[in-house]
Amino acid sequence: MSTALVRDPLFVLHRQGSMGHPERPERLEAILDAIHAEGLDRRTEELEARPATPEEITTVHDAKYLEQVMNAQGKEYAYLDPDTSMTEYSCDAALAAAGGAIDLALNIYDGNYRNGFALVRPPGHHAVVDRAMGFCIFNNIALAAQQLIERRGLERVAIVDFDVHHGNGTNFTFYERRDVLFFSTHQYPHYPGTGRFRDVGLEEGKGYSINIPLPARMGDDEHLLIYHNAVLPVLESYRPQMILVSAGFDGHERDMLAGESMTTGGYITLMNLLKQAADRLCDGRLAFYLEGGYDLTALRETVSAGIRILLGDDVKGSPIPTAMQGSNALKLYQRLQMRHGRYWDCLAE
């Protein structure tokens, strides 16, 4: 089986209204240039994006919000929120991003592809039920998870979000449910100001939202220790039937939109860990969804490395530290234990 890439010319045509907006077409153009330069387009299969249907969109989003977006179709400019606007091709791009996201997950689960990367714009993880947020129009990864549950009958989908910003839209979509485990590392306090340790879920979903807010300037060591010692054990306990990843690379040391200090090597190791987890737990069923990341060089390096990892290449990254003792990660892990040790034996003392 092959690795699939979701691509579409519409994703480059989508533009935010203001000049100099960080979520710009050049992000995707830089990624596509790197893919071509490294010959990755010849080693992968393109999965053509198609527009999501209204019936699919409204499994996550309010019908009135969908109507608002559709009413802006083809318009020169439409304002959605202080960070998010639409121009002529934005509605078509958002529908294609959602449809491509859904089809990638379904096709991987069905065995048509081994795994894949949705190279979509606009991103999705901030979009909530009834409005756009943070450059996001429709919540691509939430729609993919919901369709896996509704159309394939999955009972355990894991979503891992390593974007530097908390994926509030995804988290709140599944906050009262246990059929989706949401795991997020993110800078805090930072936009959108959500995702505290105490945000663990409600009702049946209590314990299935695991948020790890990080102070600024956390680098490879802190992230990799947390993923190795917390994320992976919880995934082992949950036994997901598929893993979806909100892959945002704006925690990179080169990225100016936040204050973390991950390196390309750190992201490589993090993605390797998730690939290995998928291979062990769910027959390799793994899908990456592009979220943030605004430095073009960092995007070229990290996304192309992620595709090579999905292809099974031996891509070397930063080493995982051998112990937490005395590290910033130890304090984070201890706070995580306080909140989640009661739900997950693997995190208990």
C-alpha atoms as a PDB file:
ATOM      1  CA  MET A   1       0.000   0.000   0.000  1.00  0.00           C
ATOM      2  CA  SER A   2       1.094   3.545  -0.723  1.00  0.00           C
ATOM      3  CA  THR A   3       1.161   6.870   1.080  1.00  0.00           C
ATOM      4  CA  ALA A   4      -1.477   9.362  -0.077  1.00  0.00           C
ATOM      5  CA  LEU A   5      -1.151  13.135  -0.358  1.00  0.00           C
ATOM      6  CA  VAL A   6      -4.286  15.282  -0.508  1.00  0.00           C
ATOM      7  CA  ARG A   7      -3.592  18.225  -2.819  1.00  0.00           C
ATOM      8  CA  ASP A   8      -5.697  20.619  -4.868  1.00  0.00           C
ATOM      9  CA  PRO A   9      -4.981  23.889  -6.746  1.00  0.00           C
ATOM     10  CA  LEU A  10      -7.799  25.512  -4.758  1.00  0.00           C
ATOM     11  CA  PHE A  11      -5.684  25.336  -1.613  1.00  0.00           C
ATOM     12  CA  VAL A  12      -3.184  27.759  -3.130  1.00  0.00           C
ATOM     13  CA  LEU A  13      -5.904  30.055  -4.496  1.00  0.00           C
ATOM     14  CA  HIS A  14      -7.379  30.590  -1.031  1.00  0.00           C
ATOM     15  CA  ARG A  15      -6.264  33.931   0.402  1.00  0.00           C
ATOM     16  CA  GLN A  16      -7.074  35.801   3.576  1.00  0.00           C
ATOM     17  CA  GLY A  17      -8.256  39.335   2.899  1.00  0.00           C
ATOM     18  CA  SER A  18      -5.343  41.307   4.331  1.00  0.00           C
ATOM     19  CA  MET A  19      -1.958  41.693   2.687  1.00  0.00           C
ATOM     20  CA  GLY A  20       0.851  40.088   4.639  1.00  0.00           C
ATOM     21  CA  HIS A  21      -1.435  37.642   6.441  1.00  0.00           C
ATOM     22  CA  PRO A  22       0.702  34.795   7.872  1.00  0.00           C
ATOM     23  CA  GLU A  23      -1.658  32.064   6.609  1.00  0.00           C
ATOM     24  CA  ARG A  24      -0.730  32.693   2.995  1.00  0.00           C
ATOM     25  CA  PRO A  25      -0.520  30.607  -0.188  1.00  0.00           C
ATOM     26  CA  GLU A  26       3.269  30.677  -0.082  1.00  0.00           C
ATOM     27  CA  ARG A  27       3.120  28.229   2.825  1.00  0.00           C
ATOM     28  CA  LEU A  28       1.760  25.487   0.627  1.00  0.00           C
ATOM     29  CA  GLU A  29       3.821  26.506  -2.393  1.00  0.00           C
ATOM     30  CA  ALA A  30       6.998  26.071  -0.332  1.00  0.00           C
ATOM     31  CA  ILE A  31       5.876  22.604   0.768  1.00  0.00           C
ATOM     32  CA  LEU A  32       4.982  21.525  -2.767  1.00  0.00           C
ATOM     33  CA  ASP A  33       8.330  22.797  -4.076  1.00  0.00           C
ATOM     34  CA  ALA A  34      10.167  20.698  -1.476  1.00  0.00           C
ATOM     35  CA  ILE A  35       8.083  17.620  -2.293  1.00  0.00           C
ATOM     36  CA  HIS A  36       8.920  17.974  -5.984  1.00  0.00           C
ATOM     37  CA  ALA A  37      12.606  18.725  -5.366  1.00  0.00           C
ATOM     38  CA  GLU A  38      12.967  15.587  -3.212  1.00  0.00           C
ATOM     39  CA  GLY A  39      11.033  13.392  -5.636  1.00  0.00           C
ATOM     40  CA  LEU A  40       8.341  12.647  -3.063  1.00  0.00           C
ATOM     41  CA  ASP A  41       5.581  13.316  -5.572  1.00  0.00           C
ATOM     42  CA  ARG A  42       6.836  10.284  -7.517  1.00  0.00           C
ATOM     43  CA  ARG A  43       6.789   8.053  -4.441  1.00  0.00           C
ATOM     44  CA  THR A  44       3.296   8.946  -3.213  1.00  0.00           C
ATOM     45  CA  GLU A  45      -0.203   8.851  -4.657  1.00  0.00           C
ATOM     46  CA  GLU A  46      -2.317  11.963  -5.019  1.00  0.00           C
ATOM     47  CA  LEU A  47      -5.776  11.732  -3.504  1.00  0.00           C
ATOM     48  CA  GLU A  48      -7.922  14.255  -5.305  1.00  0.00           C
ATOM     49  CA  ALA A  49      -9.886  16.482  -2.982  1.00  0.00           C
ATOM     50  CA  ARG A  50     -13.620  16.798  -3.490  1.00  0.00           C
ATOM     51  CA  PRO A  51     -16.006  19.233  -1.806  1.00  0.00           C
ATOM     52  CA  ALA A  52     -17.539  18.001   1.419  1.00  0.00           C
ATOM     53  CA  THR A  53     -21.318  17.780   1.290  1.00  0.00           C
ATOM     54  CA  PRO A  54     -23.625  19.869   3.483  1.00  0.00           C
ATOM     55  CA  GLU A  55     -24.658  16.645   5.226  1.00  0.00           C
ATOM     56  CA  GLU A  56     -21.024  15.963   6.133  1.00  0.00           C
ATOM     57  CA  ILE A  57     -20.245  19.512   7.247  1.00  0.00           C
ATOM     58  CA  THR A  58     -23.276  19.641   9.533  1.00  0.00           C
ATOM     59  CA  THR A  59     -22.167  16.567  11.464  1.00  0.00           C
ATOM     60  CA  VAL A  60     -19.740  18.962  13.178  1.00  0.00           C
ATOM     61  CA  HIS A  61     -20.859  22.496  12.260  1.00  0.00           C
ATOM     62  CA  ASP A  62     -24.121  24.356  12.701  1.00  0.00           C
ATOM     63  CA  ALA A  63     -26.286  24.629   9.570  1.00  0.00           C
ATOM     64  CA  LYS A  64     -26.574  28.404   9.969  1.00  0.00           C
ATOM     65  CA  TYR A  65     -22.792  28.725  10.020  1.00  0.00           C
ATOM     66  CA  LEU A  66     -22.509  26.612   6.867  1.00  0.00           C
ATOM     67  CA  GLU A  67     -25.064  28.919   5.239  1.00  0.00           C
ATOM     68  CA  GLN A  68     -22.962  31.934   6.236  1.00  0.00           C
ATOM     69  CA  VAL A  69     -19.891  30.442   4.559  1.00  0.00           C
ATOM     70  CA  MET A  70     -21.804  29.376   1.454  1.00  0.00           C
ATOM     71  CA  ASN A  71     -23.271  32.863   1.098  1.00  0.00           C
ATOM     72  CA  ALA A  72     -19.721  34.180   0.753  1.00  0.00           C
ATOM     73  CA  GLN A  73     -18.906  31.838  -2.132  1.00  0.00           C
ATOM     74  CA  GLY A  74     -17.234  33.717  -4.974  1.00  0.00           C
ATOM     75  CA  LYS A  75     -17.282  37.075  -3.188  1.00  0.00           C
ATOM     76  CA  GLU A  76     -14.253  39.304  -3.327  1.00  0.00           C
ATOM     77  CA  TYR A  77     -14.165  39.590   0.459  1.00  0.00           C
ATOM     78  CA  ALA A  78     -16.122  38.335   3.470  1.00  0.00           C
ATOM     79  CA  TYR A  79     -15.242  38.852   7.123  1.00  0.00           C
ATOM     80  CA  LEU A  80     -15.625  35.868   9.478  1.00  0.00           C
ATOM     81  CA  ASP A  81     -13.644  36.799  12.589  1.00  0.00           C
ATOM     82  CA  PRO A  82     -10.735  39.148  13.463  1.00  0.00           C
ATOM     83  CA  ASP A  83      -8.175  36.621  12.162  1.00  0.00           C
ATOM     84  CA  THR A  84     -10.187  34.915   9.448  1.00  0.00           C
ATOM     85  CA  SER A  85     -11.697  36.159   6.219  1.00  0.00           C
ATOM     86  CA  MET A  86     -12.671  34.790   2.832  1.00  0.00           C
ATOM     87  CA  THR A  87     -11.936  35.843  -0.713  1.00  0.00           C
ATOM     88  CA  GLU A  88     -13.093  34.572  -4.092  1.00  0.00           C
ATOM     89  CA  TYR A  89     -11.937  30.942  -3.851  1.00  0.00           C
ATOM     90  CA  SER A  90     -12.018  30.488  -0.069  1.00  0.00           C
ATOM     91  CA  CYS A  91     -15.371  28.731   0.174  1.00  0.00           C
ATOM     92  CA  ASP A  92     -14.424  26.228  -2.523  1.00  0.00           C
ATOM     93  CA  ALA A  93     -11.039  25.655  -0.868  1.00  0.00           C
ATOM     94  CA  ALA A  94     -12.594  25.140   2.569  1.00  0.00           C
ATOM     95  CA  LEU A  95     -15.111  22.623   1.215  1.00  0.00           C
ATOM     96  CA  ALA A  96     -12.336  20.785  -0.661  1.00  0.00           C
ATOM     97  CA  ALA A  97     -10.105  20.756   2.437  1.00  0.00           C
ATOM     98  CA  ALA A  98     -12.933  19.212   4.451  1.00  0.00           C
ATOM     99  CA  GLY A  99     -13.809  16.676   1.755  1.00  0.00           C
ATOM    100  CA  GLY A 100     -10.181  15.721   1.228  1.00  0.00           C
ATOM    101  CA  ALA A 101      -9.685  15.348   4.971  1.00  0.00           C
ATOM    102  CA  ILE A 102     -12.655  13.009   5.239  1.00  0.00           C
ATOM    103  CA  ASP A 103     -11.677  10.923   2.212  1.00  0.00           C
ATOM    104  CA  LEU A 104      -8.092  10.537   3.406  1.00  0.00           C
ATOM    105  CA  ALA A 105      -9.233   9.058   6.725  1.00  0.00           C
ATOM    106  CA  LEU A 106     -11.830   6.759   5.146  1.00  0.00           C
ATOM    107  CA  ASN A 107      -9.467   5.508   2.441  1.00  0.00           C
ATOM    108  CA  ILE A 108      -6.712   4.747   4.933  1.00  0.00           C
ATOM    109  CA  TYR A 109      -9.106   2.915   7.201  1.00  0.00           C
ATOM    110  CA  ASP A 110     -10.462   0.941   4.237  1.00  0.00           C
ATOM    111  CA  GLY A 111      -6.938  -0.168   3.322  1.00  0.00           C
ATOM    112  CA  ASN A 112      -6.647   1.747   0.058  1.00  0.00           C
ATOM    113  CA  TYR A 113      -3.588   3.584   1.408  1.00  0.00           C
ATOM    114  CA  ARG A 114      -1.139   2.776   4.167  1.00  0.00           C
ATOM    115  CA  ASN A 115      -1.224   6.326   5.560  1.00  0.00           C
ATOM    116  CA  GLY A 116      -1.265   9.889   4.281  1.00  0.00           C
ATOM    117  CA  PHE A 117      -0.803  13.620   4.652  1.00  0.00           C
ATOM    118  CA  ALA A 118      -3.558  16.151   3.893  1.00  0.00           C
ATOM    119  CA  LEU A 119      -1.770  19.224   2.524  1.00  0.00           C
ATOM    120  CA  VAL A 120      -4.799  21.438   2.900  1.00  0.00           C
ATOM    121  CA  ARG A 121      -5.610  25.094   3.299  1.00  0.00           C
ATOM    122  CA  PRO A 122      -7.404  26.616   5.104  1.00  0.00           C
ATOM    123  CA  PRO A 123      -6.398  24.779   8.274  1.00  0.00           C
ATOM    124  CA  GLY A 124      -9.108  23.591  10.625  1.00  0.00           C
ATOM    125  CA  HIS A 125      -8.437  22.891  14.284  1.00  0.00           C
ATOM    126  CA  HIS A 126      -9.660  26.250  15.666  1.00  0.00           C
ATOM    127  CA  ALA A 127     -13.012  26.208  13.843  1.00  0.00           C
ATOM    128  CA  VAL A 128     -15.834  25.655  16.336  1.00  0.00           C
ATOM    129  CA  VAL A 129     -19.399  24.504  15.802  1.00  0.00           C
ATOM    130  CA  ASP A 130     -20.852  27.850  14.815  1.00  0.00           C
ATOM    131  CA  ARG A 131     -17.989  30.084  13.690  1.00  0.00           C
ATOM    132  CA  ALA A 132     -14.559  30.449  12.180  1.00  0.00           C
ATOM    133  CA  MET A 133     -11.516  31.106  14.344  1.00  0.00           C
ATOM    134  CA  GLY A 134      -7.779  31.499  13.949  1.00  0.00           C
ATOM    135  CA  PHE A 135      -7.499  31.209  10.135  1.00  0.00           C
ATOM    136  CA  CYS A 136      -9.795  28.120  10.164  1.00  0.00           C
ATOM    137  CA  ILE A 137     -13.175  27.829   8.408  1.00  0.00           C
ATOM    138  CA  PHE A 138     -14.224  24.166   8.730  1.00  0.00           C
ATOM    139  CA  ASN A 139     -12.670  21.759  11.233  1.00  0.00           C
ATOM    140  CA  ASN A 140     -11.066  19.289   8.837  1.00  0.00           C
ATOM    141  CA  ILE A 141      -9.745  16.781  11.361  1.00  0.00           C
ATOM    142  CA  ALA A 142     -12.928  16.779  13.454  1.00  0.00           C
ATOM    143  CA  LEU A 143     -14.979  16.085  10.329  1.00  0.00           C
ATOM    144  CA  ALA A 144     -12.655  13.206   9.427  1.00  0.00           C
ATOM    145  CA  ALA A 145     -12.978  11.674  12.898  1.00  0.00           C
ATOM    146  CA  GLN A 146     -16.752  12.066  12.883  1.00  0.00           C
ATOM    147  CA  GLN A 147     -17.079  10.340   9.524  1.00  0.00           C
ATOM    148  CA  LEU A 148     -14.884   7.458  10.688  1.00  0.00           C
ATOM    149  CA  ILE A 149     -17.300   6.990  13.570  1.00  0.00           C
ATOM    150  CA  GLU A 150     -20.525   7.438  11.613  1.00  0.00           C
ATOM    151  CA  ARG A 151     -19.635   5.665   8.371  1.00  0.00           C
ATOM    152  CA  ARG A 152     -17.150   3.034   9.499  1.00  0.00           C
ATOM    153  CA  GLY A 153     -18.390   2.406  13.028  1.00  0.00           C
ATOM    154  CA  LEU A 154     -15.122   3.186  14.817  1.00  0.00           C
ATOM    155  CA  GLU A 155     -15.331   3.322  18.604  1.00  0.00           C
ATOM    156  CA  ARG A 156     -11.864   4.706  19.387  1.00  0.00           C
ATOM    157  CA  VAL A 157     -10.248   7.450  17.314  1.00  0.00           C
ATOM    158  CA  ALA A 158      -7.197   9.258  18.693  1.00  0.00           C
ATOM    159  CA  ILE A 159      -6.438  12.844  17.698  1.00  0.00           C
ATOM    160  CA  VAL A 160      -2.982  14.161  18.561  1.00  0.00           C
ATOM    161  CA  ASP A 161      -2.486  17.911  18.100  1.00  0.00           C
ATOM    162  CA  PHE A 162       1.088  19.215  18.252  1.00  0.00           C
ATOM    163  CA  ASP A 163       0.366  22.654  16.786  1.00  0.00           C
ATOM    164  CA  VAL A 164       1.733  25.409  19.024  1.00  0.00           C
ATOM    165  CA  HIS A 165      -1.832  26.724  19.436  1.00  0.00           C
ATOM    166  CA  HIS A 166      -4.466  24.709  21.267  1.00  0.00           C
ATOM    167  CA  GLY A 167      -6.914  23.011  18.891  1.00  0.00           C
ATOM    168  CA  ASN A 168      -9.915  24.370  20.741  1.00  0.00           C
ATOM    169  CA  GLY A 169     -12.424  23.587  18.004  1.00  0.00           C
ATOM    170  CA  THR A 170     -11.439  19.928  17.849  1.00  0.00           C
ATOM    171  CA  ASN A 171     -11.255  19.582  21.625  1.00  0.00           C
ATOM    172  CA  PHE A 172     -14.686  21.091  22.265  1.00  0.00           C
ATOM    173  CA  THR A 173     -16.313  19.063  19.479  1.00  0.00           C
ATOM    174  CA  PHE A 174     -15.540  15.850  21.347  1.00  0.00           C
ATOM    175  CA  TYR A 175     -15.320  17.193  24.911  1.00  0.00           C
ATOM    176  CA  GLU A 176     -18.208  15.081  26.243  1.00  0.00           C
ATOM    177  CA  ARG A 177     -17.374  11.897  24.341  1.00  0.00           C
ATOM    178  CA  ARG A 178     -15.024   8.959  24.783  1.00  0.00           C
ATOM    179  CA  ASP A 179     -15.027   7.693  21.212  1.00  0.00           C
ATOM    180  CA  VAL A 180     -12.406  10.362  20.452  1.00  0.00           C
ATOM    181  CA  LEU A 181      -9.307  10.762  22.608  1.00  0.00           C
ATOM    182  CA  PHE A 182      -7.899  14.272  22.191  1.00  0.00           C
ATOM    183  CA  PHE A 183      -4.292  14.912  23.173  1.00  0.00           C
ATOM    184  CA  SER A 184      -2.703  18.360  22.788  1.00  0.00           C
ATOM    185  CA  THR A 185       0.589  20.030  23.600  1.00  0.00           C
ATOM    186  CA  HIS A 186       0.523  23.797  23.073  1.00  0.00           C
ATOM    187  CA  GLN A 187       1.994  27.060  24.295  1.00  0.00           C
ATOM    188  CA  TYR A 188       0.016  28.624  27.124  1.00  0.00           C
ATOM    189  CA  PRO A 189      -1.062  31.301  27.723  1.00  0.00           C
ATOM    190  CA  HIS A 190      -1.273  31.922  24.004  1.00  0.00           C
ATOM    191  CA  TYR A 191      -3.993  32.084  21.374  1.00  0.00           C
ATOM    192  CA  PRO A 192      -6.760  30.979  21.804  1.00  0.00           C
ATOM    193  CA  GLY A 193      -6.259  30.891  25.584  1.00  0.00           C
ATOM    194  CA  THR A 194      -7.795  27.440  26.095  1.00  0.00           C
ATOM    195  CA  GLY A 195      -6.385  24.007  26.876  1.00  0.00           C
ATOM    196  CA  ARG A 196      -5.503  24.079  30.569  1.00  0.00           C
ATOM    197  CA  PHE A 197      -4.468  21.011  32.564  1.00  0.00           C
ATOM    198  CA  ARG A 198      -7.863  20.988  34.228  1.00  0.00           C
ATOM    199  CA  ASP A 199      -9.709  20.817  30.898  1.00  0.00           C
ATOM    200  CA  VAL A 200     -10.139  17.030  30.991  1.00  0.00           C
ATOM    201  CA  GLY A 201     -13.575  16.587  29.396  1.00  0.00           C
ATOM    202  CA  LEU A 202     -17.100  16.295  30.717  1.00  0.00           C
ATOM    203  CA  GLU A 203     -19.686  13.549  31.278  1.00  0.00           C
ATOM    204  CA  GLU A 204     -18.723  10.439  29.305  1.00  0.00           C
ATOM    205  CA  GLY A 205     -15.716  12.290  27.952  1.00  0.00           C
ATOM    206  CA  LYS A 206     -14.130  12.934  31.328  1.00  0.00           C
ATOM    207  CA  GLY A 207     -10.479  11.962  31.092  1.00  0.00           C
ATOM    208  CA  TYR A 208     -10.488  11.770  27.300  1.00  0.00           C
ATOM    209  CA  SER A 209      -9.274  15.337  26.772  1.00  0.00           C
ATOM    210  CA  ILE A 210      -5.625  15.534  27.741  1.00  0.00           C
ATOM    211  CA  ASN A 211      -4.224  19.038  27.485  1.00  0.00           C
ATOM    212  CA  ILE A 212      -0.609  19.862  28.273  1.00  0.00           C
ATOM    213  CA  PRO A 213      -0.088  23.643  28.303  1.00  0.00           C
ATOM    214  CA  LEU A 214       3.572  24.530  27.868  1.00  0.00           C
ATOM    215  CA  PRO A 215       5.365  27.721  28.882  1.00  0.00           C
ATOM    216  CA  ALA A 216       7.281  29.581  26.200  1.00  0.00           C
ATOM    217  CA  ARG A 217      10.696  28.462  24.971  1.00  0.00           C
ATOM    218  CA  MET A 218      10.089  24.748  25.424  1.00  0.00           C
ATOM    219  CA  GLY A 219      12.233  22.836  22.959  1.00  0.00           C
ATOM    220  CA  ASP A 220      12.923  19.320  21.731  1.00  0.00           C
ATOM    221  CA  ASP A 221      13.759  17.824  25.124  1.00  0.00           C
ATOM    222  CA  GLU A 222      10.540  18.920  26.824  1.00  0.00           C
ATOM    223  CA  HIS A 223       8.282  17.945  23.951  1.00  0.00           C
ATOM    224  CA  LEU A 224       9.898  14.573  23.328  1.00  0.00           C
ATOM    225  CA  LEU A 225       9.934  13.616  27.007  1.00  0.00           C
ATOM    226  CA  ILE A 226       6.234  14.433  27.284  1.00  0.00           C
ATOM    227  CA  TYR A 227       5.358  12.491  24.148  1.00  0.00           C
ATOM    228  CA  HIS A 228       7.513   9.524  25.080  1.00  0.00           C
ATOM    229  CA  ASN A 229       6.402   9.334  28.721  1.00  0.00           C
ATOM    230  CA  ALA A 230       2.778  10.489  28.526  1.00  0.00           C
ATOM    231  CA  VAL A 231       1.282  10.515  25.026  1.00  0.00           C
ATOM    232  CA  LEU A 232       2.534   7.094  23.969  1.00  0.00           C
ATOM    233  CA  PRO A 233       1.495   5.251  27.159  1.00  0.00           C
ATOM    234  CA  VAL A 234      -2.005   6.752  26.977  1.00  0.00           C
ATOM    235  CA  LEU A 235      -2.290   5.745  23.316  1.00  0.00           C
ATOM    236  CA  GLU A 236      -1.203   2.224  24.295  1.00  0.00           C
ATOM    237  CA  SER A 237      -3.949   2.126  26.932  1.00  0.00           C
ATOM    238  CA  TYR A 238      -6.621   3.573  24.634  1.00  0.00           C
ATOM    239  CA  ARG A 239      -5.827   1.215  21.724  1.00  0.00           C
ATOM    240  CA  PRO A 240      -7.106   3.535  18.962  1.00  0.00           C
ATOM    241  CA  GLN A 241      -8.429   2.073  15.753  1.00  0.00           C
ATOM    242  CA  MET A 242      -6.890   5.020  13.881  1.00  0.00           C
ATOM    243  CA  ILE A 243      -4.658   7.978  14.758  1.00  0.00           C
ATOM    244  CA  LEU A 244      -5.261  11.420  13.263  1.00  0.00           C
ATOM    245  CA  VAL A 245      -2.697  14.178  13.769  1.00  0.00           C
ATOM    246  CA  SER A 246      -3.154  17.933  13.680  1.00  0.00           C
ATOM    247  CA  ALA A 247       0.320  18.652  12.344  1.00  0.00           C
ATOM    248  CA  GLY A 248       1.151  22.275  13.022  1.00  0.00           C
ATOM    249  CA  PHE A 249       4.804  23.300  12.823  1.00  0.00           C
ATOM    250  CA  ASP A 250       4.551  26.775  14.350  1.00  0.00           C
ATOM    251  CA  GLY A 251       6.396  25.664  17.499  1.00  0.00           C
ATOM    252  CA  HIS A 252       9.562  25.658  15.388  1.00  0.00           C
ATOM    253  CA  GLU A 253      12.395  27.883  16.591  1.00  0.00           C
ATOM    254  CA  ARG A 254      12.289  29.745  13.263  1.00  0.00           C
ATOM    255  CA  ASP A 255       8.580  30.552  13.525  1.00  0.00           C
ATOM    256  CA  MET A 256       7.763  34.052  14.708  1.00  0.00           C
ATOM    257  CA  LEU A 257       4.066  33.531  15.485  1.00  0.00           C
ATOM    258  CA  ALA A 258       4.739  31.869  18.836  1.00  0.00           C
ATOM    259  CA  GLY A 259       7.501  31.355  21.362  1.00  0.00           C
ATOM    260  CA  GLU A 260       8.485  27.688  21.416  1.00  0.00           C
ATOM    261  CA  SER A 261      11.884  26.425  20.269  1.00  0.00           C
ATOM    262  CA  MET A 262      11.410  23.046  18.597  1.00  0.00           C
ATOM    263  CA  THR A 263      13.899  22.155  15.876  1.00  0.00           C
ATOM    264  CA  THR A 264      13.328  20.246  12.671  1.00  0.00           C
ATOM    265  CA  GLY A 265      15.054  17.296  14.341  1.00  0.00           C
ATOM    266  CA  GLY A 266      12.591  17.450  17.230  1.00  0.00           C
ATOM    267  CA  TYR A 267       9.617  17.351  14.890  1.00  0.00           C
ATOM    268  CA  ILE A 268      11.162  14.424  13.022  1.00  0.00           C
ATOM    269  CA  THR A 269      11.472  12.394  16.220  1.00  0.00           C
ATOM    270  CA  LEU A 270       7.952  13.357  17.308  1.00  0.00           C
ATOM    271  CA  MET A 271       6.493  12.208  13.981  1.00  0.00           C
ATOM    272  CA  ASN A 272       8.553   9.021  14.121  1.00  0.00           C
ATOM    273  CA  LEU A 273       7.091   8.273  17.559  1.00  0.00           C
ATOM    274  CA  LEU A 274       3.547   8.695  16.247  1.00  0.00           C
ATOM    275  CA  LYS A 275       4.277   6.537  13.201  1.00  0.00           C
ATOM    276  CA  GLN A 276       5.681   3.797  15.425  1.00  0.00           C
ATOM    277  CA  ALA A 277       2.633   4.024  17.698  1.00  0.00           C
ATOM    278  CA  ALA A 278       0.279   3.655  14.729  1.00  0.00           C
ATOM    279  CA  ASP A 279       2.253   0.668  13.462  1.00  0.00           C
ATOM    280  CA  ARG A 280       1.957  -1.034  16.865  1.00  0.00           C
ATOM    281  CA  LEU A 281      -1.604  -0.138  17.732  1.00  0.00           C
ATOM    282  CA  CYS A 282      -3.733   0.196  14.596  1.00  0.00           C
ATOM    283  CA  ASP A 283      -1.983  -1.495  11.678  1.00  0.00           C
ATOM    284  CA  GLY A 284      -0.268   1.747  10.687  1.00  0.00           C
ATOM    285  CA  ARG A 285      -3.505   3.685  10.095  1.00  0.00           C
ATOM    286  CA  LEU A 286      -2.208   7.235  10.457  1.00  0.00           C
ATOM    287  CA  ALA A 287      -3.211  10.527   8.817  1.00  0.00           C
ATOM    288  CA  PHE A 288      -1.480  13.896   9.204  1.00  0.00           C
ATOM    289  CA  TYR A 289      -3.456  17.099   8.623  1.00  0.00           C
ATOM    290  CA  LEU A 290      -1.602  20.349   7.971  1.00  0.00           C
ATOM    291  CA  GLU A 291      -2.492  23.042  10.485  1.00  0.00           C
ATOM    292  CA  GLY A 292      -0.135  25.927  11.341  1.00  0.00           C
ATOM    293  CA  GLY A 293       3.482  26.702  10.573  1.00  0.00           C
ATOM    294  CA  TYR A 294       4.449  30.040   9.060  1.00  0.00           C
ATOM    295  CA  ASP A 295       8.192  29.982   8.436  1.00  0.00           C
ATOM    296  CA  LEU A 296       8.672  28.716   4.902  1.00  0.00           C
ATOM    297  CA  THR A 297      12.046  27.050   5.474  1.00  0.00           C
ATOM    298  CA  ALA A 298      10.766  25.232   8.553  1.00  0.00           C
ATOM    299  CA  LEU A 299       7.690  24.080   6.642  1.00  0.00           C
ATOM    300  CA  ARG A 300       9.770  22.717   3.761  1.00  0.00           C
ATOM    301  CA  GLU A 301      11.965  20.743   6.143  1.00  0.00           C
ATOM    302  CA  THR A 302       9.317  19.395   8.511  1.00  0.00           C
ATOM    303  CA  VAL A 303       6.559  18.460   6.080  1.00  0.00           C
ATOM    304  CA  SER A 304       8.875  16.758   3.606  1.00  0.00           C
ATOM    305  CA  ALA A 305      10.435  14.850   6.508  1.00  0.00           C
ATOM    306  CA  GLY A 306       6.951  13.858   7.681  1.00  0.00           C
ATOM    307  CA  ILE A 307       6.118  12.442   4.263  1.00  0.00           C
ATOM    308  CA  ARG A 308       9.370  10.475   4.195  1.00  0.00           C
ATOM    309  CA  ILE A 309       8.527   9.068   7.638  1.00  0.00           C
ATOM    310  CA  LEU A 310       5.105   7.984   6.379  1.00  0.00           C
ATOM    311  CA  LEU A 311       6.843   6.319   3.424  1.00  0.00           C
ATOM    312  CA  GLY A 312       8.961   4.317   5.854  1.00  0.00           C
ATOM    313  CA  ASP A 313      12.293   6.067   5.296  1.00  0.00           C
ATOM    314  CA  ASP A 314      14.835   6.054   8.113  1.00  0.00           C
ATOM    315  CA  VAL A 315      14.750   9.767   8.946  1.00  0.00           C
ATOM    316  CA  LYS A 316      16.954  10.660  11.904  1.00  0.00           C
ATOM    317  CA  GLY A 317      15.845  13.358  14.329  1.00  0.00           C
ATOM    318  CA  SER A 318      16.778  14.646  17.752  1.00  0.00           C
ATOM    319  CA  PRO A 319      17.515  12.082  20.485  1.00  0.00           C
ATOM    320  CA  ILE A 320      14.949  11.452  23.212  1.00  0.00           C
ATOM    321  CA  PRO A 321      16.435  12.420  26.580  1.00  0.00           C
ATOM    322  CA  THR A 322      16.988   9.441  28.833  1.00  0.00           C
ATOM    323  CA  ALA A 323      15.430  10.879  32.010  1.00  0.00           C
ATOM    324  CA  MET A 324      13.051  13.601  33.142  1.00  0.00           C
ATOM    325  CA  GLN A 325      14.797  14.213  36.459  1.00  0.00           C
ATOM    326  CA  GLY A 326      15.501  17.907  36.911  1.00  0.00           C
ATOM    327  CA  SER A 327      13.908  18.864  33.595  1.00  0.00           C
ATOM    328  CA  ASN A 328      11.070  21.254  32.833  1.00  0.00           C
ATOM    329  CA  ALA A 329       9.212  18.248  31.460  1.00  0.00           C
ATOM    330  CA  LEU A 330       9.188  16.607  34.906  1.00  0.00           C
ATOM    331  CA  LYS A 331       7.083  19.435  36.362  1.00  0.00           C
ATOM    332  CA  LEU A 332       4.701  19.210  33.421  1.00  0.00           C
ATOM    333  CA  TYR A 333       4.440  15.459  33.777  1.00  0.00           C
ATOM    334  CA  GLN A 334       3.739  15.703  37.510  1.00  0.00           C
ATOM    335  CA  ARG A 335       0.907  18.150  36.878  1.00  0.00           C
ATOM    336  CA  LEU A 336      -0.444  15.811  34.219  1.00  0.00           C
ATOM    337  CA  GLN A 337      -0.336  12.938  36.721  1.00  0.00           C
ATOM    338  CA  MET A 338      -2.351  15.004  39.202  1.00  0.00           C
ATOM    339  CA  ARG A 339      -5.120  15.533  36.655  1.00  0.00           C
ATOM    340  CA  HIS A 340      -5.084  12.288  34.731  1.00  0.00           C
ATOM    341  CA  GLY A 341      -3.573   9.629  36.992  1.00  0.00           C
ATOM    342  CA  ARG A 342      -7.101   8.879  38.174  1.00  0.00           C
ATOM    343  CA  TYR A 343      -8.204   8.126  34.609  1.00  0.00           C
ATOM    344  CA  TRP A 344      -5.118   6.442  33.161  1.00  0.00           C
ATOM    345  CA  ASP A 345      -3.194   3.849  35.163  1.00  0.00           C
ATOM    346  CA  CYS A 346      -0.173   4.435  32.939  1.00  0.00           C
ATOM    347  CA  LEU A 347       0.114   7.972  34.338  1.00  0.00           C
ATOM    348  CA  ALA A 348      -0.524   7.107  37.978  1.00  0.00           C
ATOM    349  CA  GLU A 349       2.262   7.158  40.542  1.00  0.00           C
END
